[in-house]
């Protein structure tokens, strides 16, 4: 059974509950994993939901890379850290929320590069999930785009460049 990972950053932002409820009502053939971050009220509300599909609800987690490697599809707000991690995990995204101005470019980049889709309403998220299940080649194209965009060594490269400019390590050609 495919695993859909639904997250909203460390604070559990965005319409997570409405999106989880829409996926649940649709009775999609998935296991839904919801990470609510530090949003304890959201976690409690979701734990009281009448679930029709397999699910697991978590609060704040430190193992997000493990969650992403275990998932088949990520449903998330358009935070840059989450998007970068999804690229590295080869995890196609459905972006359902963004901070206006600050995250607009993230949505544009993910969509234009083919790594995911913009679905700002819970029913649109469900429609994309259905489409990806009925046409797995579409999801697979997004997986390939994520892998192409991944930069797993970027932190080391940045540290090396900073070290060179600070004189801590010699410049390399």
Protein backbone atom coordinates (compact mmCIF):
# COMPACT_ATOMS: atom_id res chain seq x y z
CA UNK A 1 0.00 0.00 0.00
CA UNK A 2 1.48 3.39 -0.94
CA UNK A 3 2.42 5.73 1.89
CA UNK A 4 1.34 9.37 1.72
CA UNK A 5 3.26 11.62 4.09
CA UNK A 6 1.36 14.78 5.09
CA UNK A 7 3.39 17.49 6.84
CA UNK A 8 3.25 21.21 7.52
CA UNK A 9 6.68 22.09 8.87
CA UNK A 10 7.79 22.09 12.49
CA UNK A 11 4.77 24.11 13.56
CA UNK A 12 2.16 22.00 11.74
CA UNK A 13 1.08 24.87 9.50
CA UNK A 14 -1.42 24.95 6.67
CA UNK A 15 -4.70 23.10 6.19
CA UNK A 16 -3.34 19.78 7.42
CA UNK A 17 -6.53 18.67 9.17
CA UNK A 18 -8.81 19.49 6.22
CA UNK A 19 -6.40 17.76 3.84
CA UNK A 20 -6.14 14.65 6.04
CA UNK A 21 -9.93 14.53 6.34
CA UNK A 22 -10.36 14.82 2.55
CA UNK A 23 -7.90 11.96 1.94
CA UNK A 24 -9.69 9.91 4.59
CA UNK A 25 -13.16 10.57 3.10
CA UNK A 26 -11.90 9.61 -0.36
CA UNK A 27 -10.91 6.20 1.02
CA UNK A 28 -7.84 6.16 -1.18
CA UNK A 29 -5.81 2.93 -1.13
CA UNK A 30 -3.02 4.49 0.96
CA UNK A 31 -1.59 4.58 4.42
CA UNK A 32 -1.61 8.20 5.55
CA UNK A 33 1.20 9.36 7.81
CA UNK A 34 0.58 12.79 9.32
CA UNK A 35 3.33 14.74 11.11
CA UNK A 36 1.82 17.64 13.05
CA UNK A 37 5.07 19.13 14.36
CA UNK A 38 4.69 21.09 17.58
CA UNK A 39 0.96 21.59 16.95
CA UNK A 40 -0.39 19.47 19.82
CA UNK A 41 -4.01 20.53 19.27
CA UNK A 42 -3.87 19.34 15.66
CA UNK A 43 -2.30 16.05 16.75
CA UNK A 44 -5.03 15.54 19.35
CA UNK A 45 -7.81 16.43 16.88
CA UNK A 46 -6.45 14.00 14.28
CA UNK A 47 -6.12 11.23 16.87
CA UNK A 48 -9.86 11.60 17.58
CA UNK A 49 -10.80 11.38 13.88
CA UNK A 50 -12.93 8.46 12.68
CA UNK A 51 -10.42 6.96 10.27
CA UNK A 52 -11.51 4.97 7.24
CA UNK A 53 -7.98 4.30 5.97
CA UNK A 54 -4.77 3.08 7.62
CA UNK A 55 -3.03 6.00 9.30
CA UNK A 56 -0.42 7.08 11.83
CA UNK A 57 -0.25 10.43 13.56
CA UNK A 58 3.00 11.88 14.90
CA UNK A 59 3.90 15.14 16.61
CA UNK A 60 7.32 16.71 16.18
CA UNK A 61 9.85 14.22 14.81
CA UNK A 62 13.62 14.28 14.41
CA UNK A 63 13.64 11.51 11.78
CA UNK A 64 12.05 13.37 8.86
CA UNK A 65 14.61 11.99 6.35
CA UNK A 66 13.60 8.46 7.41
CA UNK A 67 9.90 9.31 7.05
CA UNK A 68 10.58 10.68 3.58
CA UNK A 69 12.55 7.62 2.49
CA UNK A 70 9.65 5.41 3.63
CA UNK A 71 6.98 7.46 1.83
CA UNK A 72 5.81 7.35 -1.78
CA UNK A 73 4.26 10.83 -1.98
CA UNK A 74 4.73 13.97 0.11
CA UNK A 75 1.90 16.43 0.73
CA UNK A 76 3.36 19.58 2.24
CA UNK A 77 3.52 23.34 2.43
CA UNK A 78 6.17 24.90 0.23
CA UNK A 79 8.95 25.31 2.79
CA UNK A 80 12.44 25.30 1.26
CA UNK A 81 13.95 22.84 3.75
CA UNK A 82 11.19 20.29 3.23
CA UNK A 83 11.39 20.66 -0.54
CA UNK A 84 15.17 20.16 -0.50
CA UNK A 85 14.83 17.06 1.66
CA UNK A 86 12.14 15.70 -0.66
CA UNK A 87 14.44 16.17 -3.66
CA UNK A 88 17.17 14.18 -1.91
CA UNK A 89 14.68 11.42 -1.02
CA UNK A 90 13.33 11.32 -4.59
CA UNK A 91 9.91 12.04 -3.11
CA UNK A 92 7.35 13.69 -5.43
CA UNK A 93 5.35 16.50 -3.85
CA UNK A 94 1.88 17.87 -3.75
CA UNK A 95 2.21 21.42 -2.44
CA UNK A 96 -0.98 22.52 -0.69
CA UNK A 97 0.07 25.72 1.06
CA UNK A 98 2.69 28.47 0.89
CA UNK A 99 3.63 31.67 2.65
CA UNK A 100 2.71 34.41 0.16
CA UNK A 101 5.76 36.18 -1.18
CA UNK A 102 8.31 34.13 0.71
CA UNK A 103 7.43 30.71 -0.73
CA UNK A 104 5.84 31.62 -4.07
CA UNK A 105 9.08 30.93 -5.91
CA UNK A 106 9.34 27.51 -4.29
CA UNK A 107 5.96 26.52 -5.73
CA UNK A 108 6.91 27.83 -9.15
CA UNK A 109 10.24 25.98 -9.11
CA UNK A 110 8.79 22.62 -8.02
CA UNK A 111 5.96 22.78 -10.56
CA UNK A 112 8.04 24.07 -13.49
CA UNK A 113 10.74 21.45 -12.87
CA UNK A 114 8.12 18.68 -12.76
CA UNK A 115 8.93 17.55 -9.20
CA UNK A 116 5.41 18.11 -7.97
CA UNK A 117 2.12 19.94 -8.36
CA UNK A 118 0.32 22.85 -6.73
CA UNK A 119 -3.01 21.80 -5.19
CA UNK A 120 -4.14 24.51 -2.73
CA UNK A 121 -7.47 22.87 -1.82
CA UNK A 122 -7.96 19.50 -0.06
CA UNK A 123 -10.13 18.17 -2.91
CA UNK A 124 -7.40 19.08 -5.40
CA UNK A 125 -4.89 17.12 -3.31
CA UNK A 126 -7.19 14.10 -3.49
CA UNK A 127 -7.57 14.56 -7.26
CA UNK A 128 -3.80 14.60 -7.75
CA UNK A 129 -3.37 11.50 -5.58
CA UNK A 130 -6.01 9.69 -7.60
CA UNK A 131 -4.39 10.80 -10.85
CA UNK A 132 -0.95 9.62 -9.73
CA UNK A 133 -2.37 6.23 -8.68
CA UNK A 134 -4.28 5.82 -11.95
CA UNK A 135 -1.30 7.02 -14.00
CA UNK A 136 1.83 5.91 -12.12
CA UNK A 137 4.04 7.17 -14.95
CA UNK A 138 3.13 10.74 -13.91
CA UNK A 139 4.31 10.14 -10.36
CA UNK A 140 7.43 8.41 -11.66
CA UNK A 141 8.28 11.45 -13.80
CA UNK A 142 8.07 13.59 -10.65
CA UNK A 143 10.32 11.10 -8.82
CA UNK A 144 12.92 11.42 -11.59
CA UNK A 145 12.68 15.22 -11.49
CA UNK A 146 13.30 15.17 -7.72
CA UNK A 147 16.36 13.00 -8.17
CA UNK A 148 17.67 15.34 -10.88
CA UNK A 149 17.21 18.37 -8.62
CA UNK A 150 18.71 16.79 -5.50
CA UNK A 151 21.91 18.27 -4.11
CA UNK A 152 22.77 15.95 -1.22
CA UNK A 153 26.30 17.33 -0.84
CA UNK A 154 25.32 21.01 -0.83
CA UNK A 155 25.91 21.55 2.91
CA UNK A 156 29.47 20.24 2.63
CA UNK A 157 30.10 22.33 -0.48
CA UNK A 158 28.86 25.47 1.26
CA UNK A 159 30.99 24.72 4.33
CA UNK A 160 34.05 24.16 2.12
CA UNK A 161 33.52 27.46 0.27
CA UNK A 162 33.08 29.35 3.54
CA UNK A 163 36.18 27.66 4.96
CA UNK A 164 38.15 28.77 1.92
CA UNK A 165 37.00 32.38 2.20
CA UNK A 166 37.79 32.42 5.92
CA UNK A 167 41.25 31.02 5.24
CA UNK A 168 40.59 27.84 7.19
CA UNK A 169 41.30 25.60 4.20
CA UNK A 170 43.21 26.31 0.98
CA UNK A 171 41.35 27.20 -2.21
CA UNK A 172 40.94 24.29 -4.59
CA UNK A 173 40.65 24.48 -8.34
